């Protein structure tokens, strides 16, 4: 196993910081811009001018469409709307991590992947954690916000299945794929915004676009999307996934801390318990197999 260089550990932590702060930036953005319109602006800026600098990977058009409609439109339409209706940004960063277990469910159904005992145990723990967090609706968050965030996690998981299909087409430039796939979301987002938020709200938001809103769009497009995915792809190309992936467990820690510092979002005791169960389930899913193998080897 290759040990990660200190500089690369620093880059991984930078990505976690950028992605963790992403949630408070979303909350700041949807305070002034309708959530679906914000999604359209994010991916317009993520695509241009980057598409002029990167060649599109040679993969079928259906994969660009599937990725763009699931992990981009689906995930962020639900997530932005959840925070818009009152889901605390910190809790959103935590609940969204349930995508790992929805990915397991989809992989079992579509890819016929078998589950292992530690994965089932992790799923049970995470489900219990989500149930505890969801039980606080009406106290610290609206039920709609919680359910929309869970749906965002479901769409992220569906996008993960699409991402796995990319491996059938050989090694590709993942950043270039993300950039070119960013051409897919703007039109669906604009259509949804027009239908749900209305032309008046869209026009008013664009006419009154403030530096704060413009900064939020720029952060979401360039920092969270291009910088974050660019560095993450670089790390995955240098090291085994099981060395890089555990860093993602730190995203909720940053998200919860940022929500508390920026918006004074408080947590109830049940949130700590539920969050602990969810993160324990994620850790068991990630490390359980290696731990069991090591225990067997030492017998």
Protein backbone atom coordinates (compact mmCIF):
# COMPACT_ATOMS: atom_id res chain seq x y z
CA UNK A 1 0.00 0.00 0.00
CA UNK A 2 1.32 3.43 -0.94
CA UNK A 3 1.41 5.93 1.89
CA UNK A 4 -0.11 9.26 0.98
CA UNK A 5 2.37 12.11 0.76
CA UNK A 6 1.79 14.97 3.22
CA UNK A 7 1.01 17.35 0.34
CA UNK A 8 -1.67 15.00 -0.97
CA UNK A 9 -3.14 14.60 2.52
CA UNK A 10 -3.31 18.39 2.58
CA UNK A 11 -5.11 18.42 -0.78
CA UNK A 12 -7.60 15.82 0.47
CA UNK A 13 -8.32 17.94 3.53
CA UNK A 14 -8.74 21.00 1.28
CA UNK A 15 -11.39 19.15 -0.73
CA UNK A 16 -13.20 18.17 2.48
CA UNK A 17 -13.13 21.78 3.65
CA UNK A 18 -14.48 23.02 0.30
CA UNK A 19 -17.22 20.39 0.19
CA UNK A 20 -18.15 20.87 3.85
CA UNK A 21 -18.49 24.65 3.40
CA UNK A 22 -20.61 23.97 0.33
CA UNK A 23 -23.73 23.61 2.49
CA UNK A 24 -23.60 27.02 4.15
CA UNK A 25 -22.91 28.55 0.73
CA UNK A 26 -26.05 26.86 -0.59
CA UNK A 27 -28.04 28.27 2.33
CA UNK A 28 -26.70 31.76 1.57
CA UNK A 29 -27.49 31.32 -2.12
CA UNK A 30 -31.09 30.11 -1.80
CA UNK A 31 -31.83 33.01 0.56
CA UNK A 32 -31.75 35.33 -2.47
CA UNK A 33 -32.04 33.08 -5.56
CA UNK A 34 -34.79 30.46 -6.09
CA UNK A 35 -33.20 27.01 -5.62
CA UNK A 36 -33.86 25.63 -9.11
CA UNK A 37 -32.58 28.80 -10.76
CA UNK A 38 -29.51 28.60 -8.53
CA UNK A 39 -28.90 25.08 -9.86
CA UNK A 40 -29.07 26.31 -13.45
CA UNK A 41 -26.58 29.11 -12.75
CA UNK A 42 -24.22 26.74 -10.94
CA UNK A 43 -23.88 24.35 -13.84
CA UNK A 44 -23.78 27.04 -16.51
CA UNK A 45 -20.74 28.48 -14.76
CA UNK A 46 -19.24 25.02 -14.17
CA UNK A 47 -19.48 24.25 -17.90
CA UNK A 48 -18.30 27.56 -19.35
CA UNK A 49 -15.57 28.36 -20.14
CA UNK A 50 -14.14 24.98 -19.01
CA UNK A 51 -15.66 23.11 -21.99
CA UNK A 52 -13.49 25.26 -24.26
CA UNK A 53 -10.35 23.96 -22.54
CA UNK A 54 -11.09 20.23 -22.11
CA UNK A 55 -11.88 17.60 -24.72
CA UNK A 56 -15.00 15.50 -24.07
CA UNK A 57 -14.19 11.90 -23.11
CA UNK A 58 -15.35 9.34 -25.64
CA UNK A 59 -18.27 7.80 -23.80
CA UNK A 60 -21.86 7.30 -24.99
CA UNK A 61 -24.17 10.30 -24.89
CA UNK A 62 -26.59 8.35 -22.68
CA UNK A 63 -24.01 8.35 -19.87
CA UNK A 64 -23.62 12.12 -20.05
CA UNK A 65 -27.41 12.46 -19.91
CA UNK A 66 -27.85 9.92 -17.11
CA UNK A 67 -25.09 11.45 -14.99
CA UNK A 68 -26.33 14.99 -15.57
CA UNK A 69 -29.94 14.15 -14.74
CA UNK A 70 -29.18 12.13 -11.58
CA UNK A 71 -26.11 13.32 -9.72
CA UNK A 72 -26.47 16.92 -10.96
CA UNK A 73 -30.13 17.79 -11.57
CA UNK A 74 -31.69 15.24 -9.23
CA UNK A 75 -29.31 15.55 -6.31
CA UNK A 76 -29.05 19.33 -6.28
CA UNK A 77 -32.67 20.11 -7.15
CA UNK A 78 -33.69 18.18 -4.03
CA UNK A 79 -30.81 19.43 -1.86
CA UNK A 80 -31.19 23.11 -2.79
CA UNK A 81 -34.96 22.88 -2.30
CA UNK A 82 -34.48 21.14 1.07
CA UNK A 83 -32.29 23.93 2.40
CA UNK A 84 -34.63 26.52 0.87
CA UNK A 85 -37.59 25.15 2.87
CA UNK A 86 -35.64 25.15 6.13
CA UNK A 87 -33.39 22.09 6.34
CA UNK A 88 -30.38 23.16 8.48
CA UNK A 89 -27.24 23.17 6.35
CA UNK A 90 -25.25 21.12 8.87
CA UNK A 91 -27.86 18.38 9.14
CA UNK A 92 -28.13 18.35 5.34
CA UNK A 93 -24.40 17.60 5.10
CA UNK A 94 -24.92 14.68 7.47
CA UNK A 95 -28.10 13.17 6.02
CA UNK A 96 -26.74 13.39 2.47
CA UNK A 97 -24.03 10.86 3.40
CA UNK A 98 -26.74 8.19 3.39
CA UNK A 99 -26.07 8.07 -0.35
CA UNK A 100 -23.48 5.36 0.40
CA UNK A 101 -26.20 2.96 1.50
CA UNK A 102 -28.62 3.82 -1.29
CA UNK A 103 -25.70 3.08 -3.63
CA UNK A 104 -25.46 -0.38 -2.01
CA UNK A 105 -29.16 -0.97 -2.59
CA UNK A 106 -29.01 0.11 -6.23
CA UNK A 107 -25.83 -1.90 -6.86
CA UNK A 108 -27.50 -5.01 -5.47
CA UNK A 109 -30.57 -4.49 -7.67
CA UNK A 110 -28.97 -3.36 -10.95
CA UNK A 111 -25.43 -4.75 -10.74
CA UNK A 112 -26.29 -7.90 -8.74
CA UNK A 113 -23.59 -7.12 -6.18
CA UNK A 114 -23.67 -9.28 -3.07
CA UNK A 115 -23.79 -7.77 0.38
CA UNK A 116 -21.45 -8.77 3.18
CA UNK A 117 -22.33 -9.01 6.84
CA UNK A 118 -20.52 -5.83 7.84
CA UNK A 119 -22.35 -3.91 5.09
CA UNK A 120 -25.74 -5.09 6.35
CA UNK A 121 -24.78 -4.14 9.90
CA UNK A 122 -23.69 -0.72 8.68
CA UNK A 123 -26.96 -0.29 6.79
CA UNK A 124 -29.00 -1.09 9.92
CA UNK A 125 -27.00 1.39 12.01
CA UNK A 126 -27.31 4.12 9.39
CA UNK A 127 -31.04 3.52 8.96
CA UNK A 128 -31.49 3.85 12.72
CA UNK A 129 -29.51 7.08 12.69
CA UNK A 130 -31.61 8.53 9.87
CA UNK A 131 -34.80 7.53 11.68
CA UNK A 132 -33.66 9.34 14.82
CA UNK A 133 -32.75 12.49 12.88
CA UNK A 134 -36.03 12.37 10.97
CA UNK A 135 -37.98 12.02 14.22
CA UNK A 136 -37.05 15.60 15.16
CA UNK A 137 -39.07 17.15 12.32
CA UNK A 138 -41.13 20.06 13.50
CA UNK A 139 -38.65 20.69 16.33
CA UNK A 140 -35.51 21.69 14.48
CA UNK A 141 -36.35 21.11 10.82
CA UNK A 142 -39.37 20.69 8.54
CA UNK A 143 -40.26 17.15 7.52
CA UNK A 144 -40.22 18.27 3.87
CA UNK A 145 -36.62 19.43 4.25
CA UNK A 146 -35.54 16.08 5.68
CA UNK A 147 -37.34 14.07 3.00
CA UNK A 148 -35.99 16.27 0.19
CA UNK A 149 -32.45 15.76 1.50
CA UNK A 150 -32.96 11.99 1.57
CA UNK A 151 -34.20 12.17 -2.03
CA UNK A 152 -31.05 14.11 -2.89
CA UNK A 153 -29.03 11.23 -1.43
CA UNK A 154 -31.06 8.75 -3.52
CA UNK A 155 -30.29 10.68 -6.70
CA UNK A 156 -26.60 10.91 -5.80
CA UNK A 157 -26.58 7.13 -5.36
CA UNK A 158 -28.22 6.66 -8.77
CA UNK A 159 -25.50 8.86 -10.23
CA UNK A 160 -22.87 6.65 -8.58
CA UNK A 161 -24.23 3.68 -10.53
CA UNK A 162 -23.87 5.71 -13.73
CA UNK A 163 -20.30 6.57 -12.73
CA UNK A 164 -19.50 2.88 -12.32
CA UNK A 165 -20.69 2.32 -15.88
CA UNK A 166 -17.95 4.67 -17.07
CA UNK A 167 -15.35 2.04 -16.15
CA UNK A 168 -16.62 -0.07 -19.05
CA UNK A 169 -15.17 2.53 -21.43
CA UNK A 170 -11.60 2.45 -20.18
CA UNK A 171 -9.67 5.17 -18.35
CA UNK A 172 -11.09 8.64 -19.00
CA UNK A 173 -10.47 12.17 -17.78
CA UNK A 174 -13.03 12.32 -14.96
CA UNK A 175 -12.79 16.09 -14.61
CA UNK A 176 -13.43 16.55 -18.33
CA UNK A 177 -16.43 14.23 -18.03
CA UNK A 178 -17.84 16.27 -15.12
CA UNK A 179 -17.34 19.50 -17.06
CA UNK A 180 -19.02 18.23 -20.22
CA UNK A 181 -21.80 16.56 -18.22
CA UNK A 182 -22.43 20.02 -16.71
CA UNK A 183 -23.92 20.99 -20.07
CA UNK A 184 -26.87 18.70 -19.33
CA UNK A 185 -28.37 20.29 -16.15
CA UNK A 186 -28.95 23.95 -17.13
CA UNK A 187 -31.91 23.37 -19.46
CA UNK A 188 -33.79 20.96 -17.11
CA UNK A 189 -33.12 23.30 -14.20
CA UNK A 190 -34.37 26.31 -16.16
CA UNK A 191 -37.47 24.41 -17.27
CA UNK A 192 -38.22 23.33 -13.70
CA UNK A 193 -37.60 26.85 -12.41
CA UNK A 194 -39.92 28.31 -15.01
CA UNK A 195 -42.62 25.76 -14.19
CA UNK A 196 -42.34 25.73 -10.38
CA UNK A 197 -40.79 29.06 -9.38
CA UNK A 198 -42.28 31.11 -12.20
CA UNK A 199 -40.87 33.66 -14.64
CA UNK A 200 -41.55 36.55 -12.26
CA UNK A 201 -39.41 35.07 -9.48
CA UNK A 202 -36.68 34.18 -11.96
CA UNK A 203 -36.61 37.65 -13.47
CA UNK A 204 -36.66 39.38 -10.09
CA UNK A 205 -33.78 37.24 -8.79
CA UNK A 206 -31.61 37.84 -11.86
CA UNK A 207 -32.33 41.57 -11.86
CA UNK A 208 -31.42 41.89 -8.18
CA UNK A 209 -28.45 39.49 -8.24
CA UNK A 210 -26.14 40.66 -5.45
CA UNK A 211 -22.43 40.11 -4.92
CA UNK A 212 -23.36 37.59 -2.22
CA UNK A 213 -25.47 35.56 -4.64
CA UNK A 214 -22.91 35.82 -7.43
CA UNK A 215 -20.22 34.69 -4.99
CA UNK A 216 -22.35 31.70 -3.97
CA UNK A 217 -22.81 30.68 -7.61
CA UNK A 218 -19.08 31.06 -8.28
CA UNK A 219 -18.19 29.00 -5.20
CA UNK A 220 -20.62 26.22 -6.11
CA UNK A 221 -19.39 26.09 -9.72
CA UNK A 222 -15.66 26.62 -9.41
CA UNK A 223 -14.76 25.54 -5.88
CA UNK A 224 -17.25 22.77 -5.06
CA UNK A 225 -17.53 21.38 -8.61
CA UNK A 226 -14.33 22.03 -10.55
CA UNK A 227 -11.70 22.38 -7.81
CA UNK A 228 -13.27 19.73 -5.57
CA UNK A 229 -13.81 17.11 -8.26
CA UNK A 230 -10.53 17.97 -9.97
CA UNK A 231 -8.44 17.37 -6.85
CA UNK A 232 -10.49 14.35 -5.79
CA UNK A 233 -10.00 12.75 -9.22
CA UNK A 234 -6.26 13.44 -9.02
CA UNK A 235 -6.04 11.71 -5.64
CA UNK A 236 -8.06 8.71 -6.85
CA UNK A 237 -5.71 8.37 -9.81
CA UNK A 238 -2.67 8.24 -7.47
CA UNK A 239 -3.89 6.12 -4.57
CA UNK A 240 -6.28 3.21 -3.95
CA UNK A 241 -9.88 4.30 -3.42
CA UNK A 242 -9.89 2.79 0.08
CA UNK A 243 -7.21 5.30 1.08
CA UNK A 244 -8.96 8.32 -0.39
CA UNK A 245 -12.63 7.56 0.32
CA UNK A 246 -12.38 7.69 4.15
CA UNK A 247 -11.65 11.41 3.99
CA UNK A 248 -15.26 11.96 2.87
CA UNK A 249 -16.38 10.96 6.38
CA UNK A 250 -15.06 14.35 7.52
CA UNK A 251 -17.47 16.34 5.30
CA UNK A 252 -20.34 16.33 7.87
CA UNK A 253 -17.92 17.45 10.58
CA UNK A 254 -17.07 20.53 8.51
CA UNK A 255 -20.69 21.02 7.45
CA UNK A 256 -22.05 20.83 11.00
CA UNK A 257 -19.31 23.14 12.34
CA UNK A 258 -19.84 25.67 9.55
CA UNK A 259 -23.61 25.66 10.06
CA UNK A 260 -23.12 26.35 13.75
CA UNK A 261 -20.50 29.08 13.23
CA UNK A 262 -22.16 30.90 10.31
CA UNK A 263 -25.88 30.43 11.00
CA UNK A 264 -25.90 29.47 14.70
CA UNK A 265 -27.54 26.13 13.88
CA UNK A 266 -27.88 24.23 17.12
CA UNK A 267 -28.13 20.45 17.49
CA UNK A 268 -30.31 18.41 19.81
CA UNK A 269 -29.00 15.41 21.70
CA UNK A 270 -30.93 13.13 19.37
CA UNK A 271 -29.03 14.64 16.42
CA UNK A 272 -25.71 13.67 17.98
CA UNK A 273 -26.97 10.14 18.62
CA UNK A 274 -28.50 9.79 15.16
CA UNK A 275 -25.46 11.33 13.48
CA UNK A 276 -23.17 9.05 15.45
CA UNK A 277 -25.11 5.97 14.31
CA UNK A 278 -25.07 7.15 10.70
CA UNK A 279 -21.32 7.82 10.71
CA UNK A 280 -20.63 4.56 12.57
CA UNK A 281 -22.60 2.74 9.89
CA UNK A 282 -20.58 4.47 7.16
CA UNK A 283 -17.30 3.63 8.90
CA UNK A 284 -18.37 -0.02 9.34
CA UNK A 285 -19.28 -0.20 5.65
CA UNK A 286 -15.92 1.30 4.68
CA UNK A 287 -13.54 -0.43 7.09
CA UNK A 288 -15.47 -3.50 8.28
CA UNK A 289 -14.29 -5.83 5.53
CA UNK A 290 -10.61 -5.08 6.10
CA UNK A 291 -11.01 -5.36 9.89
CA UNK A 292 -12.66 -8.79 9.61
CA UNK A 293 -10.00 -9.98 7.18
CA UNK A 294 -7.25 -8.86 9.55
CA UNK A 295 -8.92 -10.61 12.50
CA UNK A 296 -9.16 -13.86 10.51
CA UNK A 297 -5.52 -13.59 9.45
CA UNK A 298 -4.40 -13.22 13.07
CA UNK A 299 -6.19 -16.34 14.25
